[in-house]
N, C-alpha and C. Protein backbone atom coordinates (compact mmCIF):
# COMPACT_ATOMS: atom_id res chain seq x y z
N MET A 1 28.70 28.62 -68.21
CA MET A 1 27.53 28.78 -68.32
C MET A 1 26.77 29.77 -68.91
N ILE A 2 26.12 29.82 -69.97
CA ILE A 2 25.28 30.81 -70.24
C ILE A 2 24.20 31.41 -69.65
N LYS A 3 24.26 32.66 -69.14
CA LYS A 3 23.10 32.88 -68.40
C LYS A 3 21.32 33.23 -69.21
N LYS A 4 20.38 32.75 -68.80
CA LYS A 4 19.14 32.37 -69.66
C LYS A 4 18.59 33.91 -69.07
N SER A 5 18.04 34.58 -70.49
CA SER A 5 17.14 35.81 -69.94
C SER A 5 15.59 35.47 -71.21
N ILE A 6 14.66 36.62 -70.55
CA ILE A 6 13.65 36.66 -71.28
C ILE A 6 12.95 38.15 -71.52
N VAL A 7 12.48 38.66 -72.33
CA VAL A 7 11.73 39.71 -72.06
C VAL A 7 10.14 40.09 -71.84
N ILE A 8 10.04 40.71 -71.35
CA ILE A 8 8.51 40.42 -71.01
C ILE A 8 8.15 41.72 -71.12
N PHE A 9 6.95 41.77 -72.15
CA PHE A 9 5.92 42.82 -72.78
C PHE A 9 4.98 43.42 -71.92
N LEU A 10 4.80 44.21 -71.68
CA LEU A 10 3.95 45.09 -70.78
C LEU A 10 3.20 46.09 -71.67
N ALA A 11 1.95 46.23 -72.05
CA ALA A 11 1.32 47.60 -72.51
C ALA A 11 1.78 48.57 -71.83
N LYS A 12 1.77 49.55 -72.68
CA LYS A 12 2.11 51.19 -71.97
C LYS A 12 1.09 51.27 -70.78
N TYR A 13 -0.27 51.43 -71.24
CA TYR A 13 -1.35 51.53 -70.03
C TYR A 13 -2.20 50.67 -69.95
N GLY A 14 -2.81 50.02 -68.62
CA GLY A 14 -3.46 48.78 -68.23
C GLY A 14 -3.12 47.83 -68.45
N PHE A 15 -1.99 47.32 -68.56
CA PHE A 15 -1.26 45.77 -68.10
C PHE A 15 -1.61 45.09 -66.63
N ASN A 16 -1.80 43.90 -66.86
CA ASN A 16 -2.66 43.30 -65.50
C ASN A 16 -1.70 43.24 -64.71
N GLU A 17 -1.57 44.18 -63.35
CA GLU A 17 -0.10 43.96 -61.93
C GLU A 17 0.01 42.34 -61.90
N VAL A 18 -1.01 41.64 -61.46
CA VAL A 18 -1.22 40.50 -60.81
C VAL A 18 0.24 39.37 -61.83
N GLU A 19 -0.75 39.53 -62.79
CA GLU A 19 -0.19 38.42 -64.03
C GLU A 19 1.49 38.96 -64.02
N TYR A 20 1.81 40.07 -64.18
CA TYR A 20 3.15 40.81 -64.15
C TYR A 20 3.93 40.55 -62.90
N LEU A 21 3.45 40.72 -62.05
CA LEU A 21 4.66 40.83 -60.83
C LEU A 21 4.74 39.34 -60.44
N GLN A 22 3.85 38.29 -60.35
CA GLN A 22 3.49 36.96 -59.95
C GLN A 22 4.61 36.17 -60.62
N THR A 23 4.52 36.78 -62.27
CA THR A 23 5.19 35.98 -63.56
C THR A 23 6.73 36.20 -63.48
N ARG A 24 6.91 37.72 -63.06
CA ARG A 24 8.31 37.71 -63.07
C ARG A 24 8.96 37.38 -61.99
N ARG A 25 8.00 37.41 -60.52
CA ARG A 25 8.99 36.85 -58.97
C ARG A 25 9.51 35.35 -59.69
N ILE A 26 8.47 34.64 -60.16
CA ILE A 26 8.85 33.40 -60.08
C ILE A 26 9.79 32.61 -61.38
N ILE A 27 9.94 33.58 -61.85
CA ILE A 27 10.83 33.35 -63.54
C ILE A 27 12.27 34.08 -62.71
N GLU A 28 12.43 35.07 -61.96
CA GLU A 28 13.07 35.84 -61.59
C GLU A 28 13.99 34.38 -60.32
N GLN A 29 13.37 33.90 -59.43
CA GLN A 29 13.38 33.16 -58.38
C GLN A 29 14.28 32.01 -59.23
N SER A 30 13.74 31.42 -60.34
CA SER A 30 15.01 30.80 -60.94
C SER A 30 16.45 30.90 -61.73
N GLY A 31 16.90 32.46 -61.48
CA GLY A 31 17.88 33.05 -61.63
C GLY A 31 18.02 33.66 -63.26
N ILE A 32 17.08 33.43 -63.72
CA ILE A 32 16.63 34.02 -65.25
C ILE A 32 16.51 35.53 -65.53
N THR A 33 17.31 35.93 -66.04
CA THR A 33 17.29 37.90 -65.73
C THR A 33 16.35 37.92 -66.88
N ILE A 34 15.33 39.11 -66.20
CA ILE A 34 13.94 39.79 -66.85
C ILE A 34 14.71 40.86 -67.50
N PHE A 35 14.02 41.26 -68.71
CA PHE A 35 14.10 42.74 -69.11
C PHE A 35 12.52 42.87 -69.57
N VAL A 36 12.13 44.58 -69.31
CA VAL A 36 10.55 44.80 -69.56
C VAL A 36 10.51 45.57 -70.89
N ALA A 37 9.85 45.39 -71.85
CA ALA A 37 9.44 46.09 -72.91
C ALA A 37 8.36 46.40 -73.04
N SER A 38 8.53 47.79 -73.58
CA SER A 38 6.88 48.17 -74.13
C SER A 38 7.02 49.12 -75.48
N ASP A 39 5.76 50.13 -75.80
CA ASP A 39 6.10 50.73 -77.00
C ASP A 39 7.12 51.81 -77.11
N ASN A 40 7.31 52.06 -75.77
CA ASN A 40 8.46 52.95 -75.75
C ASN A 40 8.95 52.73 -74.27
N THR A 41 10.46 52.95 -74.22
CA THR A 41 10.85 53.25 -72.82
C THR A 41 10.27 54.43 -71.95
N GLY A 42 10.34 54.09 -70.90
CA GLY A 42 9.72 54.90 -69.50
C GLY A 42 8.85 53.92 -68.98
N LEU A 43 7.68 54.87 -68.57
CA LEU A 43 7.25 53.98 -67.38
C LEU A 43 5.79 53.38 -68.18
N CYS A 44 5.45 52.45 -67.73
CA CYS A 44 3.96 51.72 -68.33
C CYS A 44 3.14 51.76 -66.93
N THR A 45 2.04 51.90 -66.92
CA THR A 45 0.94 51.86 -65.91
C THR A 45 0.02 50.63 -65.78
N GLY A 46 0.16 50.22 -64.96
CA GLY A 46 -0.78 48.96 -65.02
C GLY A 46 -2.39 49.72 -64.44
N SER A 47 -3.45 48.62 -64.73
CA SER A 47 -4.47 48.69 -64.06
C SER A 47 -5.10 49.30 -63.24
N LYS A 48 -4.07 49.11 -62.08
CA LYS A 48 -4.73 49.75 -60.94
C LYS A 48 -3.38 50.71 -60.53
N GLY A 49 -2.82 51.18 -61.46
CA GLY A 49 -1.92 52.23 -60.82
C GLY A 49 -0.46 51.83 -60.58
N LEU A 50 -0.25 50.51 -60.98
CA LEU A 50 1.37 50.15 -60.48
C LEU A 50 2.30 50.87 -61.71
N LYS A 51 3.23 51.39 -61.32
CA LYS A 51 4.07 51.68 -62.70
C LYS A 51 5.66 50.91 -62.47
N VAL A 52 5.65 50.47 -63.80
CA VAL A 52 6.68 49.64 -64.00
C VAL A 52 7.76 50.48 -65.11
N CYS A 53 8.83 50.48 -64.66
CA CYS A 53 9.65 50.98 -66.06
C CYS A 53 10.48 49.94 -67.57
N ALA A 54 10.09 50.34 -68.27
CA ALA A 54 10.17 49.41 -69.66
C ALA A 54 11.67 49.77 -69.82
N GLU A 55 12.57 48.57 -69.75
CA GLU A 55 14.20 49.44 -70.45
C GLU A 55 14.18 49.29 -71.56
N ILE A 56 13.36 48.57 -72.47
CA ILE A 56 13.67 48.07 -73.89
C ILE A 56 12.78 48.61 -74.45
N SER A 57 12.76 49.46 -75.78
CA SER A 57 11.61 49.96 -76.56
C SER A 57 11.46 48.45 -77.58
N LEU A 58 10.37 48.30 -77.84
CA LEU A 58 9.26 47.34 -78.67
C LEU A 58 10.62 47.53 -80.07
N PHE A 59 10.88 48.56 -80.43
CA PHE A 59 11.77 48.42 -81.39
C PHE A 59 12.86 47.72 -81.73
N ASN A 60 13.22 47.91 -80.44
CA ASN A 60 14.83 47.51 -79.71
C ASN A 60 14.87 46.20 -79.07
N ILE A 61 13.84 44.96 -79.41
CA ILE A 61 13.77 43.61 -78.71
C ILE A 61 14.53 42.67 -80.28
N ASN A 62 15.50 42.38 -79.94
CA ASN A 62 15.93 41.27 -80.83
C ASN A 62 16.08 39.86 -80.39
N SER A 63 15.66 38.85 -81.00
CA SER A 63 14.92 37.85 -80.68
C SER A 63 16.56 36.91 -80.24
N ASN A 64 17.69 37.59 -80.80
CA ASN A 64 18.77 36.57 -80.87
C ASN A 64 19.61 37.09 -79.41
N ASN A 65 18.79 37.61 -78.17
CA ASN A 65 19.14 38.37 -77.04
C ASN A 65 18.64 37.81 -76.13
N PHE A 66 17.53 37.01 -76.33
CA PHE A 66 16.73 36.30 -74.95
C PHE A 66 16.34 35.06 -75.57
N ASN A 67 15.93 34.07 -74.30
CA ASN A 67 15.57 32.45 -74.40
C ASN A 67 13.65 32.63 -75.11
N GLY A 68 13.17 33.50 -74.62
CA GLY A 68 12.02 33.72 -74.53
C GLY A 68 11.14 34.92 -74.51
N ILE A 69 9.97 35.00 -74.97
CA ILE A 69 8.90 36.61 -74.85
C ILE A 69 7.77 36.22 -73.98
N VAL A 70 7.22 37.05 -72.84
CA VAL A 70 6.12 36.64 -72.43
C VAL A 70 5.45 38.18 -72.98
N LEU A 71 4.11 37.98 -73.04
CA LEU A 71 3.11 38.88 -73.25
C LEU A 71 2.32 38.73 -71.87
N ILE A 72 2.10 39.91 -71.00
CA ILE A 72 1.17 39.99 -69.88
C ILE A 72 -0.08 40.57 -70.73
N GLY A 73 -1.10 40.22 -69.75
CA GLY A 73 -2.08 40.82 -70.43
C GLY A 73 -3.01 41.85 -69.50
N GLY A 74 -4.20 41.81 -69.22
CA GLY A 74 -5.18 42.63 -69.12
C GLY A 74 -5.55 43.77 -70.42
N SER A 75 -6.34 44.79 -70.04
CA SER A 75 -7.10 45.47 -71.17
C SER A 75 -5.90 46.13 -72.00
N GLY A 76 -5.09 46.70 -71.72
CA GLY A 76 -4.32 47.31 -72.35
C GLY A 76 -3.47 46.66 -73.52
N ILE A 77 -3.25 45.53 -73.17
CA ILE A 77 -2.49 44.72 -74.58
C ILE A 77 -3.90 44.25 -75.45
N LYS A 78 -5.09 45.02 -75.65
CA LYS A 78 -5.79 44.69 -76.62
C LYS A 78 -5.39 45.86 -77.77
N ASN A 79 -4.64 46.96 -77.21
CA ASN A 79 -4.15 47.76 -78.16
C ASN A 79 -3.46 47.22 -78.85
N TYR A 80 -2.38 46.02 -78.59
CA TYR A 80 -1.53 45.52 -79.40
C TYR A 80 -1.97 44.05 -80.51
N TRP A 81 -3.14 43.95 -79.87
CA TRP A 81 -3.95 42.82 -80.86
C TRP A 81 -3.37 42.53 -82.36
N ASN A 82 -2.95 44.06 -83.13
CA ASN A 82 -3.03 44.03 -84.16
C ASN A 82 -1.67 45.24 -85.08
N ASN A 83 -0.70 45.00 -83.92
CA ASN A 83 0.72 45.51 -83.88
C ASN A 83 1.83 45.44 -84.84
N LYS A 84 1.57 45.41 -86.04
CA LYS A 84 2.24 44.43 -86.98
C LYS A 84 4.27 44.81 -86.46
N SER A 85 4.60 45.46 -85.62
CA SER A 85 5.93 45.88 -85.08
C SER A 85 6.08 44.37 -83.99
N LEU A 86 4.98 44.53 -83.12
CA LEU A 86 4.79 43.21 -82.34
C LEU A 86 4.86 41.98 -83.33
N HIS A 87 4.19 42.20 -84.11
CA HIS A 87 3.95 40.91 -84.88
C HIS A 87 5.08 40.27 -85.21
N ASN A 88 5.78 41.21 -85.96
CA ASN A 88 6.83 40.45 -86.46
C ASN A 88 8.50 40.29 -85.58
N ILE A 89 8.13 40.92 -84.15
CA ILE A 89 9.11 40.35 -83.50
C ILE A 89 8.79 39.12 -82.85
N LEU A 90 7.29 38.79 -82.49
CA LEU A 90 6.91 37.16 -82.54
C LEU A 90 7.30 36.15 -83.27
N HIS A 91 7.03 36.85 -84.28
CA HIS A 91 7.60 35.72 -85.53
C HIS A 91 9.04 35.52 -85.47
N LYS A 92 9.75 36.45 -85.38
CA LYS A 92 11.53 35.87 -85.20
C LYS A 92 11.39 35.14 -83.56
N PHE A 93 11.00 35.05 -83.00
CA PHE A 93 11.45 34.42 -81.93
C PHE A 93 10.35 32.77 -82.00
N SER A 94 9.60 32.97 -82.81
CA SER A 94 8.55 31.47 -83.61
C SER A 94 9.83 31.25 -84.59
N ASP A 95 10.36 32.03 -85.43
CA ASP A 95 11.18 31.30 -86.41
C ASP A 95 12.31 30.40 -85.36
N GLN A 96 12.50 31.28 -84.31
CA GLN A 96 14.26 30.30 -83.78
C GLN A 96 13.32 29.52 -82.74
N ALA A 97 12.08 29.25 -82.83
CA ALA A 97 11.61 28.01 -81.47
C ALA A 97 12.00 28.44 -80.49
N LYS A 98 11.69 29.62 -79.71
CA LYS A 98 11.98 29.89 -78.72
C LYS A 98 10.60 30.27 -77.97
N THR A 99 10.81 30.17 -76.82
CA THR A 99 9.27 30.11 -75.92
C THR A 99 8.49 31.17 -75.95
N ILE A 100 7.40 31.33 -76.17
CA ILE A 100 6.59 32.37 -76.45
C ILE A 100 5.10 32.21 -75.33
N GLY A 101 5.12 33.21 -74.38
CA GLY A 101 4.21 32.66 -73.47
C GLY A 101 3.30 34.31 -73.58
N ALA A 102 2.18 33.69 -73.29
CA ALA A 102 1.16 34.89 -73.02
C ALA A 102 -0.31 34.35 -72.51
N ILE A 103 -0.93 35.62 -71.65
CA ILE A 103 -1.89 35.19 -70.89
C ILE A 103 -2.92 36.14 -71.08
N CYS A 104 -4.02 35.44 -70.30
CA CYS A 104 -5.21 36.36 -70.50
C CYS A 104 -5.68 37.14 -71.83
N ALA A 105 -5.42 38.15 -71.84
CA ALA A 105 -6.24 38.66 -73.43
C ALA A 105 -4.75 38.63 -74.65
N ALA A 106 -3.59 38.45 -73.96
CA ALA A 106 -2.54 38.13 -74.81
C ALA A 106 -2.37 37.15 -75.49
N PRO A 107 -2.90 36.02 -75.35
CA PRO A 107 -3.10 35.10 -76.70
C PRO A 107 -3.54 35.70 -77.90
N VAL A 108 -4.37 36.43 -77.90
CA VAL A 108 -5.36 37.27 -79.44
C VAL A 108 -4.26 37.62 -79.68
N THR A 109 -3.04 38.46 -79.50
CA THR A 109 -1.58 39.06 -80.19
C THR A 109 -1.52 37.94 -80.62
N LEU A 110 -0.97 36.88 -80.52
CA LEU A 110 -0.42 35.60 -81.24
C LEU A 110 -1.52 35.22 -82.48
N ALA A 111 -2.63 34.90 -82.09
CA ALA A 111 -3.62 34.75 -83.24
C ALA A 111 -3.64 35.38 -84.26
N LYS A 112 -3.47 36.49 -83.65
CA LYS A 112 -4.05 37.43 -84.80
C LYS A 112 -2.53 37.99 -86.03
N ALA A 113 -1.41 37.57 -85.46
CA ALA A 113 -0.10 37.41 -85.88
C ALA A 113 0.00 36.40 -86.74
N GLY A 114 -0.83 35.13 -86.53
CA GLY A 114 -1.17 34.13 -87.50
C GLY A 114 -0.01 33.10 -87.09
N LEU A 115 0.34 33.32 -85.72
CA LEU A 115 1.22 32.19 -84.93
C LEU A 115 0.55 31.32 -84.53
N LEU A 116 -0.69 30.98 -84.21
CA LEU A 116 -1.62 30.02 -83.54
C LEU A 116 -2.39 29.00 -84.37
N GLN A 117 -2.21 29.10 -86.00
CA GLN A 117 -2.71 28.07 -86.80
C GLN A 117 -2.55 26.85 -86.63
N SER A 118 -3.44 25.76 -86.19
CA SER A 118 -3.19 24.65 -86.08
C SER A 118 -2.56 24.57 -84.64
N THR A 119 -2.70 25.28 -83.73
CA THR A 119 -2.37 25.33 -82.51
C THR A 119 -3.41 25.15 -81.56
N ALA A 120 -3.83 24.29 -80.23
CA ALA A 120 -4.64 24.69 -79.70
C ALA A 120 -3.99 25.89 -78.28
N CYS A 121 -4.76 26.90 -78.06
CA CYS A 121 -4.48 27.71 -76.47
C CYS A 121 -6.09 27.95 -76.22
N THR A 122 -5.67 28.52 -75.27
CA THR A 122 -6.55 29.51 -74.40
C THR A 122 -6.52 30.85 -73.89
N CYS A 123 -7.44 31.43 -73.71
CA CYS A 123 -7.33 33.02 -73.25
C CYS A 123 -8.61 33.28 -72.56
N HIS A 124 -8.62 34.62 -71.78
CA HIS A 124 -9.36 34.98 -70.73
C HIS A 124 -10.77 34.84 -71.79
N PRO A 125 -12.00 34.18 -70.87
CA PRO A 125 -13.14 33.80 -71.19
C PRO A 125 -13.54 35.37 -72.42
N ASP A 126 -13.74 35.89 -71.82
CA ASP A 126 -14.32 37.64 -72.63
C ASP A 126 -13.79 37.44 -74.28
N ASP A 127 -12.41 37.13 -74.43
CA ASP A 127 -11.95 37.41 -75.63
C ASP A 127 -11.89 35.84 -76.38
N LYS A 128 -12.52 34.87 -76.03
CA LYS A 128 -12.49 33.93 -76.73
C LYS A 128 -13.32 34.11 -77.97
N SER A 129 -14.42 34.28 -78.25
CA SER A 129 -14.71 35.03 -79.56
C SER A 129 -13.57 35.64 -80.69
N THR A 130 -13.50 36.64 -80.19
CA THR A 130 -11.94 37.13 -80.93
C THR A 130 -10.97 36.05 -81.28
N LEU A 131 -10.46 35.20 -80.65
CA LEU A 131 -9.50 33.76 -80.61
C LEU A 131 -9.86 33.42 -81.94
N ILE A 132 -11.16 32.78 -81.90
CA ILE A 132 -12.04 31.79 -82.45
C ILE A 132 -12.24 32.51 -83.99
N GLU A 133 -12.63 33.87 -83.94
CA GLU A 133 -12.10 34.50 -85.23
C GLU A 133 -11.21 34.66 -86.10
N SER A 134 -10.46 34.50 -85.50
CA SER A 134 -9.18 34.45 -86.02
C SER A 134 -8.24 33.05 -86.69
N GLY A 135 -9.45 32.37 -85.96
CA GLY A 135 -9.12 30.85 -87.08
C GLY A 135 -8.10 30.05 -86.02
N VAL A 136 -8.51 30.07 -84.61
CA VAL A 136 -7.32 29.45 -83.83
C VAL A 136 -8.31 28.20 -83.06
N GLU A 137 -7.87 27.51 -82.49
CA GLU A 137 -8.81 26.06 -81.57
C GLU A 137 -8.71 26.52 -80.45
N HIS A 138 -9.86 26.93 -79.86
CA HIS A 138 -9.43 27.18 -78.34
C HIS A 138 -10.25 26.14 -77.44
N LYS A 139 -9.28 26.35 -76.15
CA LYS A 139 -9.54 25.18 -75.01
C LYS A 139 -9.79 25.90 -74.05
N ASP A 140 -10.62 24.79 -73.18
CA ASP A 140 -10.77 25.87 -72.16
C ASP A 140 -10.50 25.32 -71.08
N SER A 141 -9.02 25.48 -70.74
CA SER A 141 -7.76 24.84 -69.98
C SER A 141 -7.24 25.90 -69.25
N PRO A 142 -7.17 26.29 -67.87
CA PRO A 142 -6.21 27.09 -67.65
C PRO A 142 -4.69 27.52 -67.97
N VAL A 143 -4.15 26.65 -68.37
CA VAL A 143 -2.25 26.30 -69.27
C VAL A 143 -2.65 25.53 -70.57
N ILE A 144 -2.05 26.03 -71.60
CA ILE A 144 -1.85 25.04 -72.33
C ILE A 144 -0.36 25.29 -73.22
N VAL A 145 0.31 24.36 -73.38
CA VAL A 145 1.34 24.18 -73.98
C VAL A 145 1.26 23.60 -75.13
N SER A 146 1.38 24.52 -76.21
CA SER A 146 1.70 23.96 -77.69
C SER A 146 2.83 24.28 -78.66
N ASN A 147 3.61 22.78 -79.16
CA ASN A 147 4.78 23.74 -79.36
C ASN A 147 5.74 24.40 -78.65
N ASN A 148 6.13 25.60 -79.07
CA ASN A 148 6.60 26.64 -78.21
C ASN A 148 6.08 27.86 -77.55
N PHE A 149 4.45 27.64 -77.62
CA PHE A 149 3.86 28.67 -77.21
C PHE A 149 3.10 28.05 -75.88
N VAL A 150 3.01 28.98 -74.67
CA VAL A 150 2.33 28.64 -73.64
C VAL A 150 1.50 29.87 -73.23
N THR A 151 -0.09 29.38 -73.04
CA THR A 151 -1.32 30.32 -72.93
C THR A 151 -1.92 29.99 -71.79
N ALA A 152 -2.57 31.24 -71.12
CA ALA A 152 -3.31 31.02 -69.86
C ALA A 152 -4.52 31.32 -70.03
N ARG A 153 -5.17 31.08 -69.28
CA ARG A 153 -6.71 31.69 -69.51
C ARG A 153 -6.77 33.01 -68.44
N SER A 154 -6.18 33.35 -67.22
CA SER A 154 -6.54 34.60 -66.57
C SER A 154 -5.71 35.12 -65.19
N GLU A 155 -5.62 35.69 -64.76
CA GLU A 155 -4.99 36.23 -63.59
C GLU A 155 -4.95 35.11 -62.70
N GLU A 156 -6.12 34.26 -62.25
CA GLU A 156 -5.87 33.25 -61.71
C GLU A 156 -5.14 31.90 -61.77
N ASN A 157 -4.71 31.82 -62.80
CA ASN A 157 -3.76 31.06 -63.78
C ASN A 157 -2.35 31.20 -63.82
N THR A 158 -1.69 32.56 -63.12
CA THR A 158 -0.74 33.01 -63.42
C THR A 158 0.44 32.61 -62.66
N VAL A 159 0.24 31.99 -61.71
CA VAL A 159 1.54 31.04 -60.97
C VAL A 159 1.49 29.72 -61.81
N ASP A 160 0.76 28.67 -62.45
CA ASP A 160 0.92 27.76 -63.18
C ASP A 160 1.45 27.70 -64.44
N PHE A 161 0.86 29.52 -65.07
CA PHE A 161 1.46 29.69 -66.31
C PHE A 161 2.90 29.81 -66.24
N ALA A 162 3.62 30.94 -65.08
CA ALA A 162 4.68 31.26 -64.79
C ALA A 162 5.65 29.92 -65.06
N LYS A 163 5.24 28.88 -63.98
CA LYS A 163 6.21 27.74 -63.61
C LYS A 163 5.98 27.06 -65.15
N THR A 164 5.01 27.25 -66.08
CA THR A 164 5.21 26.24 -67.63
C THR A 164 6.29 27.12 -68.18
N VAL A 165 5.90 28.41 -68.32
CA VAL A 165 7.10 29.26 -69.23
C VAL A 165 8.36 28.87 -68.75
N LEU A 166 8.62 28.97 -67.54
CA LEU A 166 9.84 28.61 -66.91
C LEU A 166 10.82 27.09 -67.43
N ALA A 167 9.87 26.34 -67.51
CA ALA A 167 9.99 24.62 -67.66
C ALA A 167 10.28 24.80 -69.14
N ALA A 168 9.45 25.49 -69.92
CA ALA A 168 9.83 25.74 -71.38
C ALA A 168 10.82 26.27 -71.69
N ILE A 169 11.36 27.40 -70.80
CA ILE A 169 12.90 28.00 -71.17
C ILE A 169 13.83 27.03 -70.72
N ALA A 170 13.70 26.34 -69.79
CA ALA A 170 14.81 25.28 -69.03
C ALA A 170 15.10 24.42 -70.28
N MET A 171 14.31 23.99 -71.02
CA MET A 171 14.16 22.96 -71.82
C MET A 171 15.65 23.12 -72.95
């Protein structure tokens, strides 16, 4: 049996700790291995001060090594909305039809990468207009699955988001 693994991408500063901790706990409980990535290795700092060590640099994420990728939200992810390196990585996951999850403000990164055209998704209400400006159909739902994409509205939807990502990876 081949062990499954995913990569969780965190903003270097300002990621949402609740989204990260709950998603990690739920996915790890299933036996899937998690690797944390950011724009460089070292400590990432959450919006309330939680420190998490990124094991993989953004530039070393290889989609062939993972069953999926999850982008955690929070104010810090907005610094990556237009990050071409992250966009390229996300395209590789998408080209391989691997699960891509994004919660809170993170779905905007997928939209700006051009991955959500003709796809319904959701995001944090504060970022809805930015998502729509990117040409994406916004639905006001807690969690949406469309093709290989799982998007969630906010921290309050993290448990459902993580369970949905888990189900998508298990398929």
